[in-house]
Amino acid sequence: MQPFLQGKRVLITGGGGSIGSELCRQAAAQKPAALAAADISENGLFAIREELWTRYGPDIPFQAVIASIRDRDRMEQLISDFRPDIVLHAAAHKHVLFMEQFPEEAVKNNILGAWNVVRAAEQSGAERLVLISTDKAVEPQSVMGASKRVTERMLLPGRTVKTAVRFGNVIDSAGSALPLFRRQIAEGGPVTVTDPRMTRYFMSIPEAAELVLEAARLGENGGLFVLDMGEPVSILALAEKLIRESGAPDIPIRFTGLRPGEKLQERLLTPEEERTAVRFGKILRVKTDPFQPEELESLLSRFQKAAQTGNREEIFALLKEAAPDYQRK
């Protein structure tokens, strides 16, 4: 990592979340000229504000901002007033099952909300923007994954350098497997595992934030960055290890079966991306295939109408159009 945020104005959306708050910590350590965290969740913002004030004192140039990325006018006002050099877009809906149940919310937040941030950053003349994506965007089988694949393709060339990063599962992030397993073990079980064959790539919260900042430093228009995370981890083996270490080896494991939108295994790159990837140490960079401007304008208009009217079949059709390798399960 090469610090480069010193003297910069940095805006983090989703700044009260697991990744967003860690981005605040790492950005604050680089002594930016100004640091703002925007989130719709006041509790997360309050917690990171108190933490940074305790660590650096109340004079730290940090501000917590209650704002929703869904509100285009609010995003334009916020970014115009704050004038960020760097925008780190971490706000999103991430739970696969919920997005299968409420696809219109995935569109409103993950697609239209992301576009509000991208558009406002471009209009304000921000130097760089990094958008957080997911390995579920690779050959997606879920609404959440497909919505993120769409956002990867929204990073059109412009005066703001726009890049994306793909994460595997982030250990100990809110709602992830590890905290769930710990709670189930503390309650005496059973520990619930979807399928004995399920595997996932894992990275820590600090690793995830470091990848975002490194992508901001290395970024080029249309680039997409992935951390080489080695071999995927067996979810069953992870659950068994936690049970052994708990000192209560008799806690049972119950298999619940795949839920809508879930895959047994995730991939970090498509075969084509693997062939064209450029390596920077443990970071891989690949090119995305951005929309044409007029194509994106049409898609966003139709996504907005389908989400507002709750037309889910139209949403599924548009996701397939915008992310052709989306296979709804």
Protein backbone atom coordinates (compact mmCIF):
# COMPACT_ATOMS: atom_id res chain seq x y z
CA MET A 1 0.00 0.00 0.00
CA GLN A 2 1.23 3.47 -0.92
CA PRO A 3 -0.68 6.18 0.95
CA PHE A 4 -1.95 8.79 -1.45
CA LEU A 5 -4.94 10.37 0.32
CA GLN A 6 -2.93 12.94 2.27
CA GLY A 7 -4.29 16.37 1.48
CA LYS A 8 -7.22 14.94 -0.53
CA ARG A 9 -10.94 15.39 0.02
CA VAL A 10 -12.47 11.93 0.40
CA LEU A 11 -16.15 10.94 0.37
CA ILE A 12 -17.25 7.43 1.38
CA THR A 13 -20.82 6.30 0.71
CA GLY A 14 -22.08 3.55 2.99
CA GLY A 15 -19.57 4.96 5.46
CA GLY A 16 -21.33 3.48 8.49
CA GLY A 17 -21.19 -0.12 7.23
CA SER A 18 -18.58 -2.81 7.85
CA ILE A 19 -16.44 -1.91 4.82
CA GLY A 20 -17.30 1.79 4.80
CA SER A 21 -16.28 2.32 8.42
CA GLU A 22 -12.96 0.53 7.84
CA LEU A 23 -12.40 2.76 4.82
CA CYS A 24 -12.95 5.73 7.14
CA ARG A 25 -10.32 4.37 9.55
CA GLN A 26 -7.73 3.77 6.85
CA ALA A 27 -8.44 7.05 5.08
CA ALA A 28 -8.23 9.03 8.32
CA ALA A 29 -4.80 7.53 9.03
CA GLN A 30 -3.52 9.04 5.75
CA LYS A 31 -4.41 12.58 6.91
CA PRO A 32 -6.82 13.73 4.20
CA ALA A 33 -7.74 17.39 3.94
CA ALA A 34 -11.38 16.42 4.55
CA LEU A 35 -13.20 13.14 5.06
CA ALA A 36 -16.96 12.61 4.81
CA ALA A 37 -18.98 9.45 5.41
CA ALA A 38 -22.49 9.37 3.97
CA ASP A 39 -25.03 6.73 4.99
CA ILE A 40 -28.76 6.30 5.54
CA SER A 41 -27.98 4.41 8.79
CA GLU A 42 -27.44 6.89 11.59
CA ASN A 43 -26.25 4.24 14.07
CA GLY A 44 -23.30 3.18 11.94
CA LEU A 45 -22.32 6.80 11.28
CA PHE A 46 -22.54 7.67 14.98
CA ALA A 47 -20.26 4.76 15.87
CA ILE A 48 -17.51 5.61 13.37
CA ARG A 49 -17.69 9.31 14.23
CA GLU A 50 -17.22 8.55 17.93
CA GLU A 51 -14.36 6.16 17.15
CA LEU A 52 -12.50 8.68 15.00
CA TRP A 53 -13.07 11.51 17.47
CA THR A 54 -11.69 9.33 20.27
CA ARG A 55 -8.63 8.36 18.24
CA TYR A 56 -7.79 11.71 16.61
CA GLY A 57 -9.69 14.30 18.64
CA PRO A 58 -12.76 16.34 17.66
CA ASP A 59 -10.72 18.57 15.35
CA ILE A 60 -10.26 15.79 12.81
CA PRO A 61 -11.66 17.05 9.46
CA PHE A 62 -14.39 14.39 9.45
CA GLN A 63 -18.11 14.80 8.93
CA ALA A 64 -20.90 12.25 9.14
CA VAL A 65 -23.71 12.89 6.66
CA ILE A 66 -27.17 11.33 6.73
CA ALA A 67 -28.05 10.84 3.06
CA SER A 68 -29.50 8.20 0.76
CA ILE A 69 -27.84 7.37 -2.55
CA ARG A 70 -31.38 6.82 -3.92
CA ASP A 71 -32.01 10.56 -3.70
CA ARG A 72 -30.41 11.99 -6.84
CA ASP A 73 -30.86 15.62 -5.83
CA ARG A 74 -29.35 14.94 -2.40
CA MET A 75 -26.33 13.20 -3.92
CA GLU A 76 -25.77 16.03 -6.37
CA GLN A 77 -26.02 18.60 -3.58
CA LEU A 78 -23.73 16.65 -1.25
CA ILE A 79 -21.02 16.01 -3.82
CA SER A 80 -21.25 19.52 -5.26
CA ASP A 81 -20.91 21.08 -1.79
CA PHE A 82 -18.20 18.73 -0.48
CA ARG A 83 -16.15 18.73 -3.72
CA PRO A 84 -14.44 15.36 -3.19
CA ASP A 85 -11.24 14.44 -4.97
CA ILE A 86 -11.86 10.74 -4.24
CA VAL A 87 -15.25 9.00 -4.01
CA LEU A 88 -15.39 5.48 -2.54
CA HIS A 89 -18.82 3.99 -3.21
CA ALA A 90 -19.54 1.29 -0.63
CA ALA A 91 -23.31 1.78 -0.19
CA ALA A 92 -25.39 -1.15 -1.46
CA HIS A 93 -27.86 -3.88 -0.62
CA LYS A 94 -25.82 -7.07 -0.34
CA HIS A 95 -28.02 -9.92 0.97
CA VAL A 96 -28.78 -12.35 -1.84
CA LEU A 97 -32.00 -13.77 -0.39
CA PHE A 98 -33.57 -10.36 0.29
CA MET A 99 -32.75 -9.11 -3.19
CA GLU A 100 -34.39 -12.22 -4.69
CA GLN A 101 -37.49 -11.37 -2.68
CA PHE A 102 -37.39 -7.63 -3.43
CA PRO A 103 -35.66 -7.15 -6.80
CA GLU A 104 -37.06 -3.65 -7.21
CA GLU A 105 -35.05 -2.59 -4.14
CA ALA A 106 -31.86 -3.97 -5.70
CA VAL A 107 -32.56 -1.82 -8.76
CA LYS A 108 -33.33 1.32 -6.74
CA ASN A 109 -30.25 1.01 -4.53
CA ASN A 110 -27.57 -0.96 -6.32
CA ILE A 111 -28.18 0.32 -9.85
CA LEU A 112 -30.03 3.65 -9.78
CA GLY A 113 -28.42 4.72 -6.49
CA ALA A 114 -24.96 3.86 -7.78
CA TRP A 115 -25.62 5.86 -10.94
CA ASN A 116 -26.63 8.87 -8.84
CA VAL A 117 -23.19 8.75 -7.18
CA VAL A 118 -21.27 8.12 -10.41
CA ARG A 119 -23.11 10.89 -12.25
CA ALA A 120 -22.67 13.42 -9.45
CA ALA A 121 -18.96 12.59 -9.11
CA GLU A 122 -18.45 13.14 -12.83
CA GLN A 123 -20.38 16.41 -12.77
CA SER A 124 -18.39 17.73 -9.81
CA GLY A 125 -15.03 16.91 -11.40
CA ALA A 126 -13.91 14.34 -8.82
CA GLU A 127 -10.50 12.88 -9.68
CA ARG A 128 -11.35 9.24 -8.97
CA LEU A 129 -14.25 7.00 -8.06
CA VAL A 130 -14.10 3.38 -6.88
CA LEU A 131 -17.23 1.24 -6.86
CA ILE A 132 -17.39 -1.92 -4.74
CA SER A 133 -18.69 -5.00 -6.52
CA THR A 134 -18.79 -8.71 -5.65
CA ASP A 135 -17.72 -12.10 -6.98
CA LYS A 136 -21.46 -12.78 -7.30
CA ALA A 137 -21.35 -10.48 -10.35
CA VAL A 138 -19.37 -13.16 -12.23
CA GLU A 139 -21.83 -15.20 -14.32
CA PRO A 140 -24.54 -14.10 -11.86
CA GLN A 141 -27.38 -16.32 -10.72
CA SER A 142 -28.87 -13.82 -8.27
CA VAL A 143 -30.53 -10.43 -8.58
CA MET A 144 -27.91 -8.98 -6.26
CA GLY A 145 -25.06 -10.33 -8.39
CA ALA A 146 -26.69 -9.19 -11.62
CA SER A 147 -27.32 -5.71 -10.21
CA LYS A 148 -23.65 -5.43 -9.35
CA ARG A 149 -22.63 -6.64 -12.81
CA VAL A 150 -24.73 -3.81 -14.22
CA THR A 151 -22.95 -1.27 -12.01
CA GLU A 152 -19.55 -2.55 -13.16
CA ARG A 153 -20.59 -1.73 -16.71
CA MET A 154 -21.80 1.78 -15.78
CA LEU A 155 -18.25 3.10 -15.35
CA LEU A 156 -18.05 5.02 -18.61
CA PRO A 157 -14.88 6.94 -19.51
CA GLY A 158 -14.87 10.58 -18.44
CA ARG A 159 -12.87 13.16 -16.57
CA THR A 160 -13.41 11.19 -13.35
CA VAL A 161 -11.33 7.99 -13.40
CA LYS A 162 -13.81 5.24 -12.52
CA THR A 163 -12.84 1.76 -11.37
CA ALA A 164 -14.48 -1.16 -9.59
CA VAL A 165 -13.27 -3.80 -7.13
CA ARG A 166 -14.70 -7.29 -6.67
CA PHE A 167 -14.79 -8.88 -3.24
CA GLY A 168 -15.30 -12.40 -2.10
CA ASN A 169 -16.99 -12.88 1.27
CA VAL A 170 -15.70 -10.46 3.90
CA ILE A 171 -15.01 -12.19 7.22
CA ASP A 172 -16.89 -10.68 10.18
CA SER A 173 -18.82 -8.17 8.07
CA ALA A 174 -22.40 -7.59 9.18
CA GLY A 175 -24.62 -10.53 8.27
CA SER A 176 -21.75 -12.81 7.15
CA ALA A 177 -21.29 -16.49 8.01
CA LEU A 178 -18.71 -16.16 10.79
CA PRO A 179 -20.79 -14.04 13.21
CA LEU A 180 -23.80 -16.28 12.50
CA PHE A 181 -21.84 -19.45 13.27
CA ARG A 182 -20.47 -17.93 16.50
CA ARG A 183 -23.95 -16.97 17.65
CA GLN A 184 -25.35 -20.40 16.84
CA ILE A 185 -22.49 -22.08 18.73
CA ALA A 186 -23.02 -19.80 21.74
CA GLU A 187 -26.70 -20.82 21.74
CA GLY A 188 -25.82 -24.52 21.66
CA GLY A 189 -26.54 -25.10 17.97
CA PRO A 190 -27.41 -26.31 15.53
CA VAL A 191 -24.97 -24.59 13.20
CA THR A 192 -26.68 -24.18 9.82
CA VAL A 193 -24.72 -24.83 6.64
CA THR A 194 -26.37 -24.52 3.25
CA ASP A 195 -24.70 -27.48 1.54
CA PRO A 196 -21.67 -29.66 2.42
CA ARG A 197 -20.15 -28.83 -1.00
CA MET A 198 -20.38 -25.05 -0.68
CA THR A 199 -17.17 -23.03 -0.89
CA ARG A 200 -16.44 -19.31 -0.73
CA TYR A 201 -13.51 -16.95 -1.13
CA PHE A 202 -12.80 -15.00 2.05
CA MET A 203 -10.95 -11.80 2.87
CA SER A 204 -10.71 -9.72 6.03
CA ILE A 205 -12.34 -6.33 6.49
CA PRO A 206 -8.94 -4.52 6.50
CA GLU A 207 -7.88 -6.41 3.35
CA ALA A 208 -11.10 -5.36 1.63
CA ALA A 209 -10.57 -1.70 2.52
CA GLU A 210 -6.91 -1.85 1.43
CA LEU A 211 -8.00 -3.26 -1.94
CA VAL A 212 -10.42 -0.35 -2.43
CA LEU A 213 -7.73 2.23 -1.65
CA GLU A 214 -5.17 0.49 -3.84
CA ALA A 215 -7.70 0.40 -6.69
CA ALA A 216 -8.21 4.13 -6.24
CA ARG A 217 -4.46 4.66 -6.53
CA LEU A 218 -3.88 2.31 -9.47
CA GLY A 219 -7.19 2.96 -11.15
CA GLU A 220 -7.81 3.64 -14.80
CA ASN A 221 -11.10 4.22 -16.55
CA GLY A 222 -13.01 0.98 -16.93
CA GLY A 223 -10.55 -1.03 -14.84
CA LEU A 224 -11.74 -3.71 -12.44
CA PHE A 225 -9.57 -4.99 -9.59
CA VAL A 226 -9.66 -8.33 -7.78
CA LEU A 227 -7.51 -9.62 -4.92
CA ASP A 228 -5.92 -13.01 -5.48
CA MET A 229 -7.39 -14.83 -2.47
CA GLY A 230 -5.89 -18.24 -3.11
CA GLU A 231 -8.10 -21.28 -2.85
CA PRO A 232 -11.77 -21.07 -1.84
CA VAL A 233 -12.70 -22.23 1.66
CA SER A 234 -15.16 -25.01 2.48
CA ILE A 235 -18.03 -23.57 4.51
CA LEU A 236 -18.54 -26.94 6.19
CA ALA A 237 -14.86 -27.09 7.20
CA LEU A 238 -15.12 -23.55 8.58
CA ALA A 239 -18.15 -24.48 10.68
CA GLU A 240 -16.43 -27.66 11.95
CA LYS A 241 -13.30 -25.71 12.91
CA LEU A 242 -15.29 -23.13 14.89
CA ILE A 243 -17.18 -25.89 16.68
CA ARG A 244 -13.93 -27.66 17.64
CA GLU A 245 -12.39 -24.43 18.90
CA SER A 246 -15.50 -23.62 20.95
CA GLY A 247 -14.81 -26.51 23.33
CA ALA A 248 -18.25 -27.98 22.64
CA PRO A 249 -17.55 -30.54 19.89
CA ASP A 250 -21.00 -32.15 20.13
CA ILE A 251 -22.81 -29.16 18.63
CA PRO A 252 -24.69 -30.47 15.57
CA ILE A 253 -24.54 -29.14 12.01
CA ARG A 254 -27.77 -28.93 10.04
CA PHE A 255 -27.84 -28.63 6.24
CA THR A 256 -30.54 -26.27 5.00
CA GLY A 257 -30.20 -26.49 1.20
CA LEU A 258 -29.44 -23.80 -1.36
CA ARG A 259 -31.59 -20.70 -1.11
CA PRO A 260 -32.84 -18.76 -4.14
CA GLY A 261 -29.97 -17.06 -5.97
CA GLU A 262 -27.19 -18.94 -4.16
CA LYS A 263 -24.34 -20.77 -5.89
CA LEU A 264 -22.35 -23.70 -4.55
CA GLN A 265 -19.12 -22.08 -5.74
CA GLU A 266 -18.26 -18.52 -6.69
CA ARG A 267 -15.67 -17.34 -9.19
CA LEU A 268 -13.62 -14.16 -9.06
CA LEU A 269 -13.17 -13.79 -12.82
CA THR A 270 -14.81 -15.00 -16.00
CA PRO A 271 -12.65 -17.19 -18.29
CA GLU A 272 -12.12 -14.22 -20.62
CA GLU A 273 -11.09 -11.99 -17.71
CA GLU A 274 -8.63 -14.63 -16.51
CA ARG A 275 -6.94 -14.63 -19.91
CA THR A 276 -6.53 -10.84 -20.01
CA ALA A 277 -5.78 -10.10 -16.33
CA VAL A 278 -2.71 -8.01 -15.46
CA ARG A 279 -1.09 -8.76 -12.10
CA PHE A 280 0.16 -6.18 -9.58
CA GLY A 281 1.49 -8.38 -6.78
CA LYS A 282 -1.61 -10.05 -5.35
CA ILE A 283 -3.98 -7.68 -7.17
CA LEU A 284 -5.36 -8.53 -10.61
CA ARG A 285 -6.64 -5.88 -13.01
CA VAL A 286 -9.00 -6.64 -15.88
CA LYS A 287 -10.92 -4.52 -18.36
CA THR A 288 -14.68 -4.19 -18.08
CA ASP A 289 -17.05 -3.81 -21.02
CA PRO A 290 -18.87 -0.55 -20.31
CA PHE A 291 -22.21 0.31 -21.87
CA GLN A 292 -22.46 2.78 -24.70
CA PRO A 293 -23.83 6.08 -23.30
CA GLU A 294 -27.12 5.92 -25.21
CA GLU A 295 -27.56 2.24 -24.26
CA LEU A 296 -27.04 3.04 -20.57
CA GLU A 297 -29.46 5.98 -20.70
CA SER A 298 -32.19 3.76 -22.13
CA LEU A 299 -31.55 0.97 -19.62
CA LEU A 300 -31.62 3.29 -16.61
CA SER A 301 -34.89 4.84 -17.76
CA ARG A 302 -36.50 1.43 -18.14
CA PHE A 303 -35.05 0.16 -14.85
CA GLN A 304 -36.49 3.20 -13.07
CA LYS A 305 -39.95 2.67 -14.52
CA ALA A 306 -39.94 -1.08 -13.73
CA ALA A 307 -38.77 -0.48 -10.16
CA GLN A 308 -41.32 2.28 -9.52
CA THR A 309 -44.20 0.13 -10.79
CA GLY A 310 -42.92 -3.06 -9.15
CA ASN A 311 -42.86 -4.91 -12.48
CA ARG A 312 -40.60 -7.77 -11.46
CA GLU A 313 -40.74 -9.70 -14.72
CA GLU A 314 -39.58 -6.57 -16.52
CA ILE A 315 -36.78 -6.19 -13.96
CA PHE A 316 -35.60 -9.76 -14.59
CA ALA A 317 -35.72 -9.17 -18.35
CA LEU A 318 -33.74 -5.93 -18.04
CA LEU A 319 -31.12 -7.58 -15.83
CA LYS A 320 -30.70 -10.26 -18.48
CA GLU A 321 -30.38 -7.60 -21.18
CA ALA A 322 -27.84 -5.58 -19.22
CA ALA A 323 -25.90 -8.62 -17.90
CA PRO A 324 -26.29 -11.27 -20.64
CA ASP A 325 -24.68 -14.07 -18.61
CA TYR A 326 -27.26 -13.65 -15.82
CA GLN A 327 -29.03 -16.97 -15.32
CA ARG A 328 -31.99 -16.72 -12.99
CA LYS A 329 -32.36 -19.81 -10.77
